[in-house]
Amino acid sequence: MVEVTDETFDAEVLASSEPVIVDFWAPWCKPCEAIEPHLRAIAAENEGRLRLVRMNVDENLGVPSRYGVLSLPTVILFAGGAPMATVYGAQPRTRFEQEFAPHL
């Protein structure tokens, strides 16, 4: 999974020609660890049609502030340079699939 920063976010996510799932996380966040396998599986099943990246909110404050990330985990699907779907908290894989499916 690619790590993005405040400096690389626009190029890696907003300028992407394919949808991008951004996992906003922190090293101390246990629920963030719990959802990572779900996100990796969704990305693997949609390889070539979807990208998965993550952003450490402890090291990057600008982008999380821009998109209102106030709790962890927060996962946002971006498509065409805009946020299209957001999932908050540790959710089952089916919840992520339901939210993201219309945008893939």
N, C-alpha and C. Protein backbone atom coordinates (compact mmCIF):
# COMPACT_ATOMS: atom_id res chain seq x y z
N MET A 1 0.86 -1.17 0.00
CA MET A 1 0.00 0.00 0.00
C MET A 1 0.90 1.23 0.00
N VAL A 2 0.59 2.17 -0.85
CA VAL A 2 1.37 3.39 -1.00
C VAL A 2 1.02 4.36 0.12
N GLU A 3 2.03 4.95 0.73
CA GLU A 3 1.83 6.01 1.73
C GLU A 3 1.83 7.35 1.00
N VAL A 4 0.79 8.16 1.24
CA VAL A 4 0.77 9.51 0.67
C VAL A 4 0.95 10.51 1.80
N THR A 5 1.40 11.69 1.44
CA THR A 5 1.63 12.76 2.40
C THR A 5 0.87 14.00 1.95
N ASP A 6 0.91 15.03 2.78
CA ASP A 6 0.30 16.30 2.38
C ASP A 6 0.89 16.78 1.05
N GLU A 7 2.17 16.53 0.84
CA GLU A 7 2.86 16.99 -0.36
C GLU A 7 2.52 16.16 -1.60
N THR A 8 2.27 14.86 -1.43
CA THR A 8 2.03 13.98 -2.59
C THR A 8 0.56 13.69 -2.86
N PHE A 9 -0.31 14.10 -1.96
CA PHE A 9 -1.73 13.75 -2.05
C PHE A 9 -2.37 14.19 -3.37
N ASP A 10 -2.20 15.44 -3.74
CA ASP A 10 -2.86 15.94 -4.96
C ASP A 10 -2.45 15.14 -6.19
N ALA A 11 -1.17 14.86 -6.33
CA ALA A 11 -0.68 14.12 -7.50
C ALA A 11 -1.09 12.66 -7.45
N GLU A 12 -1.03 12.03 -6.29
CA GLU A 12 -1.32 10.60 -6.16
C GLU A 12 -2.81 10.29 -6.14
N VAL A 13 -3.60 11.20 -5.57
CA VAL A 13 -5.02 10.91 -5.37
C VAL A 13 -5.91 11.75 -6.29
N LEU A 14 -5.82 13.05 -6.17
CA LEU A 14 -6.74 13.91 -6.93
C LEU A 14 -6.50 13.84 -8.43
N ALA A 15 -5.26 13.66 -8.85
CA ALA A 15 -4.94 13.61 -10.29
C ALA A 15 -5.01 12.19 -10.86
N SER A 16 -5.37 11.21 -10.05
CA SER A 16 -5.41 9.82 -10.51
C SER A 16 -6.51 9.61 -11.54
N SER A 17 -6.21 8.82 -12.56
CA SER A 17 -7.21 8.52 -13.59
C SER A 17 -8.18 7.43 -13.14
N GLU A 18 -7.85 6.74 -12.05
CA GLU A 18 -8.75 5.71 -11.52
C GLU A 18 -9.14 6.08 -10.10
N PRO A 19 -10.25 5.54 -9.60
CA PRO A 19 -10.65 5.83 -8.23
C PRO A 19 -9.56 5.42 -7.23
N VAL A 20 -9.48 6.16 -6.12
CA VAL A 20 -8.46 5.90 -5.10
C VAL A 20 -9.14 5.84 -3.73
N ILE A 21 -8.90 4.75 -3.02
CA ILE A 21 -9.34 4.65 -1.62
C ILE A 21 -8.21 5.21 -0.77
N VAL A 22 -8.54 6.18 0.09
CA VAL A 22 -7.55 6.75 1.01
C VAL A 22 -7.92 6.32 2.42
N ASP A 23 -7.02 5.59 3.04
CA ASP A 23 -7.19 5.12 4.41
C ASP A 23 -6.44 6.09 5.33
N PHE A 24 -7.18 6.91 6.06
CA PHE A 24 -6.58 7.83 7.03
C PHE A 24 -6.41 7.04 8.33
N TRP A 25 -5.17 6.94 8.80
CA TRP A 25 -4.84 6.06 9.92
C TRP A 25 -3.77 6.69 10.80
N ALA A 26 -3.46 6.00 11.90
CA ALA A 26 -2.35 6.37 12.78
C ALA A 26 -1.79 5.07 13.37
N PRO A 27 -0.50 5.06 13.70
CA PRO A 27 0.12 3.84 14.22
C PRO A 27 -0.50 3.31 15.51
N TRP A 28 -1.07 4.17 16.31
CA TRP A 28 -1.66 3.78 17.59
C TRP A 28 -3.10 3.30 17.47
N CYS A 29 -3.68 3.39 16.27
CA CYS A 29 -5.11 3.12 16.05
C CYS A 29 -5.35 1.63 15.78
N LYS A 30 -5.84 0.91 16.77
CA LYS A 30 -6.12 -0.53 16.61
C LYS A 30 -7.26 -0.79 15.63
N PRO A 31 -8.34 0.00 15.62
CA PRO A 31 -9.38 -0.23 14.61
C PRO A 31 -8.85 -0.03 13.19
N CYS A 32 -7.86 0.85 13.03
CA CYS A 32 -7.24 1.04 11.71
C CYS A 32 -6.58 -0.25 11.24
N GLU A 33 -5.90 -0.93 12.17
CA GLU A 33 -5.27 -2.21 11.85
C GLU A 33 -6.31 -3.25 11.48
N ALA A 34 -7.46 -3.20 12.14
CA ALA A 34 -8.51 -4.20 11.91
C ALA A 34 -9.11 -4.11 10.51
N ILE A 35 -9.22 -2.91 9.96
CA ILE A 35 -9.85 -2.77 8.65
C ILE A 35 -8.87 -2.92 7.48
N GLU A 36 -7.59 -2.86 7.76
CA GLU A 36 -6.60 -2.91 6.68
C GLU A 36 -6.75 -4.15 5.80
N PRO A 37 -6.97 -5.35 6.36
CA PRO A 37 -7.15 -6.51 5.47
C PRO A 37 -8.37 -6.39 4.55
N HIS A 38 -9.44 -5.77 5.04
CA HIS A 38 -10.63 -5.55 4.20
C HIS A 38 -10.28 -4.66 3.00
N LEU A 39 -9.59 -3.57 3.28
CA LEU A 39 -9.24 -2.63 2.21
C LEU A 39 -8.28 -3.26 1.22
N ARG A 40 -7.31 -4.00 1.71
CA ARG A 40 -6.36 -4.68 0.81
C ARG A 40 -7.08 -5.69 -0.08
N ALA A 41 -8.03 -6.42 0.47
CA ALA A 41 -8.77 -7.41 -0.31
C ALA A 41 -9.62 -6.73 -1.39
N ILE A 42 -10.27 -5.64 -1.05
CA ILE A 42 -11.08 -4.90 -2.03
C ILE A 42 -10.19 -4.37 -3.15
N ALA A 43 -9.03 -3.83 -2.79
CA ALA A 43 -8.10 -3.32 -3.80
C ALA A 43 -7.59 -4.45 -4.69
N ALA A 44 -7.29 -5.60 -4.11
CA ALA A 44 -6.79 -6.73 -4.89
C ALA A 44 -7.84 -7.23 -5.88
N GLU A 45 -9.09 -7.26 -5.44
CA GLU A 45 -10.17 -7.73 -6.31
C GLU A 45 -10.48 -6.74 -7.43
N ASN A 46 -10.09 -5.50 -7.25
CA ASN A 46 -10.35 -4.46 -8.25
C ASN A 46 -9.06 -3.94 -8.86
N GLU A 47 -8.02 -4.75 -8.86
CA GLU A 47 -6.72 -4.35 -9.39
C GLU A 47 -6.86 -3.87 -10.84
N GLY A 48 -6.24 -2.73 -11.11
CA GLY A 48 -6.33 -2.13 -12.43
C GLY A 48 -7.50 -1.17 -12.59
N ARG A 49 -8.45 -1.21 -11.65
CA ARG A 49 -9.61 -0.32 -11.69
C ARG A 49 -9.69 0.58 -10.47
N LEU A 50 -8.80 0.36 -9.50
CA LEU A 50 -8.87 1.04 -8.21
C LEU A 50 -7.49 1.03 -7.57
N ARG A 51 -7.16 2.11 -6.87
CA ARG A 51 -5.91 2.17 -6.11
C ARG A 51 -6.23 2.34 -4.64
N LEU A 52 -5.32 1.84 -3.80
CA LEU A 52 -5.44 1.98 -2.35
C LEU A 52 -4.19 2.65 -1.83
N VAL A 53 -4.37 3.74 -1.08
CA VAL A 53 -3.26 4.44 -0.44
C VAL A 53 -3.66 4.72 1.01
N ARG A 54 -2.67 5.09 1.81
CA ARG A 54 -3.00 5.47 3.17
C ARG A 54 -2.21 6.69 3.58
N MET A 55 -2.77 7.42 4.56
CA MET A 55 -2.13 8.64 5.05
C MET A 55 -2.10 8.61 6.57
N ASN A 56 -0.91 8.77 7.12
CA ASN A 56 -0.71 8.83 8.56
C ASN A 56 -1.10 10.23 9.03
N VAL A 57 -2.17 10.31 9.82
CA VAL A 57 -2.66 11.63 10.24
C VAL A 57 -1.80 12.27 11.32
N ASP A 58 -0.94 11.49 11.97
CA ASP A 58 -0.02 12.07 12.95
C ASP A 58 1.09 12.85 12.25
N GLU A 59 1.43 12.45 11.05
CA GLU A 59 2.52 13.09 10.30
C GLU A 59 2.04 14.08 9.26
N ASN A 60 0.75 14.06 8.96
CA ASN A 60 0.18 14.93 7.91
C ASN A 60 -1.11 15.54 8.45
N LEU A 61 -1.11 16.85 8.61
CA LEU A 61 -2.27 17.52 9.18
C LEU A 61 -3.13 18.25 8.15
N GLY A 62 -2.54 18.65 7.03
CA GLY A 62 -3.25 19.48 6.06
C GLY A 62 -4.39 18.78 5.36
N VAL A 63 -4.12 17.65 4.73
CA VAL A 63 -5.15 16.94 3.97
C VAL A 63 -6.27 16.44 4.88
N PRO A 64 -5.96 15.81 6.01
CA PRO A 64 -7.05 15.39 6.89
C PRO A 64 -7.94 16.57 7.31
N SER A 65 -7.34 17.72 7.57
CA SER A 65 -8.13 18.90 7.92
C SER A 65 -9.01 19.34 6.76
N ARG A 66 -8.45 19.31 5.56
CA ARG A 66 -9.18 19.73 4.36
C ARG A 66 -10.44 18.89 4.15
N TYR A 67 -10.38 17.61 4.49
CA TYR A 67 -11.51 16.71 4.25
C TYR A 67 -12.27 16.33 5.51
N GLY A 68 -12.04 17.05 6.59
CA GLY A 68 -12.82 16.88 7.81
C GLY A 68 -12.61 15.56 8.52
N VAL A 69 -11.41 15.02 8.46
CA VAL A 69 -11.11 13.76 9.16
C VAL A 69 -10.94 14.08 10.64
N LEU A 70 -11.92 13.67 11.43
CA LEU A 70 -11.92 13.97 12.85
C LEU A 70 -11.80 12.73 13.73
N SER A 71 -12.02 11.56 13.14
CA SER A 71 -11.91 10.31 13.90
C SER A 71 -11.26 9.26 13.02
N LEU A 72 -10.73 8.24 13.68
CA LEU A 72 -10.05 7.16 12.96
C LEU A 72 -10.71 5.83 13.28
N PRO A 73 -10.70 4.94 12.32
CA PRO A 73 -10.29 5.16 10.94
C PRO A 73 -11.36 5.92 10.16
N THR A 74 -10.90 6.68 9.18
CA THR A 74 -11.77 7.29 8.18
C THR A 74 -11.23 6.86 6.83
N VAL A 75 -12.12 6.36 5.98
CA VAL A 75 -11.74 5.90 4.66
C VAL A 75 -12.59 6.65 3.64
N ILE A 76 -11.92 7.31 2.70
CA ILE A 76 -12.63 8.09 1.68
C ILE A 76 -12.24 7.57 0.31
N LEU A 77 -13.25 7.34 -0.53
CA LEU A 77 -13.01 6.99 -1.93
C LEU A 77 -13.07 8.26 -2.75
N PHE A 78 -12.00 8.55 -3.49
CA PHE A 78 -11.93 9.70 -4.38
C PHE A 78 -12.03 9.21 -5.82
N ALA A 79 -12.78 9.92 -6.62
CA ALA A 79 -12.87 9.62 -8.05
C ALA A 79 -12.99 10.94 -8.78
N GLY A 80 -12.23 11.08 -9.86
CA GLY A 80 -12.26 12.33 -10.61
C GLY A 80 -11.83 13.53 -9.80
N GLY A 81 -10.98 13.31 -8.80
CA GLY A 81 -10.47 14.41 -7.99
C GLY A 81 -11.40 14.88 -6.89
N ALA A 82 -12.48 14.13 -6.62
CA ALA A 82 -13.44 14.54 -5.60
C ALA A 82 -13.77 13.38 -4.67
N PRO A 83 -14.08 13.68 -3.41
CA PRO A 83 -14.51 12.62 -2.50
C PRO A 83 -15.91 12.14 -2.89
N MET A 84 -16.06 10.83 -3.04
CA MET A 84 -17.34 10.28 -3.49
C MET A 84 -18.05 9.45 -2.42
N ALA A 85 -17.31 8.82 -1.53
CA ALA A 85 -17.90 7.99 -0.48
C ALA A 85 -16.97 7.98 0.72
N THR A 86 -17.56 8.00 1.92
CA THR A 86 -16.78 8.00 3.15
C THR A 86 -17.34 6.95 4.10
N VAL A 87 -16.44 6.20 4.73
CA VAL A 87 -16.81 5.23 5.75
C VAL A 87 -16.02 5.57 7.00
N TYR A 88 -16.74 5.71 8.12
CA TYR A 88 -16.12 6.04 9.40
C TYR A 88 -16.09 4.81 10.31
N GLY A 89 -15.00 4.64 11.02
CA GLY A 89 -14.91 3.59 12.02
C GLY A 89 -14.59 2.23 11.44
N ALA A 90 -14.41 1.29 12.35
CA ALA A 90 -14.13 -0.09 11.96
C ALA A 90 -15.44 -0.74 11.54
N GLN A 91 -15.58 -0.98 10.27
CA GLN A 91 -16.80 -1.53 9.71
C GLN A 91 -16.50 -2.88 9.05
N PRO A 92 -17.51 -3.72 8.86
CA PRO A 92 -17.27 -4.97 8.14
C PRO A 92 -16.97 -4.69 6.67
N ARG A 93 -16.32 -5.64 6.05
CA ARG A 93 -15.94 -5.49 4.64
C ARG A 93 -17.13 -5.16 3.75
N THR A 94 -18.27 -5.75 4.03
CA THR A 94 -19.46 -5.51 3.20
C THR A 94 -19.86 -4.04 3.19
N ARG A 95 -19.65 -3.36 4.29
CA ARG A 95 -19.99 -1.93 4.36
C ARG A 95 -19.13 -1.12 3.39
N PHE A 96 -17.83 -1.41 3.36
CA PHE A 96 -16.93 -0.73 2.43
C PHE A 96 -17.34 -1.03 0.99
N GLU A 97 -17.64 -2.29 0.71
CA GLU A 97 -18.03 -2.68 -0.65
C GLU A 97 -19.31 -1.98 -1.08
N GLN A 98 -20.29 -1.88 -0.20
CA GLN A 98 -21.55 -1.21 -0.51
C GLN A 98 -21.35 0.27 -0.82
N GLU A 99 -20.52 0.92 -0.02
CA GLU A 99 -20.29 2.35 -0.22
C GLU A 99 -19.49 2.64 -1.48
N PHE A 100 -18.53 1.78 -1.81
CA PHE A 100 -17.64 2.04 -2.92
C PHE A 100 -18.17 1.55 -4.27
N ALA A 101 -19.01 0.53 -4.26
CA ALA A 101 -19.46 -0.11 -5.52
C ALA A 101 -20.01 0.87 -6.56
N PRO A 102 -20.83 1.84 -6.18
CA PRO A 102 -21.38 2.74 -7.22
C PRO A 102 -20.31 3.60 -7.94
N HIS A 103 -19.12 3.68 -7.38
CA HIS A 103 -18.09 4.56 -7.93
C HIS A 103 -16.97 3.81 -8.63
N LEU A 104 -17.10 2.49 -8.73
CA LEU A 104 -16.05 1.70 -9.37
C LEU A 104 -16.44 1.35 -10.80
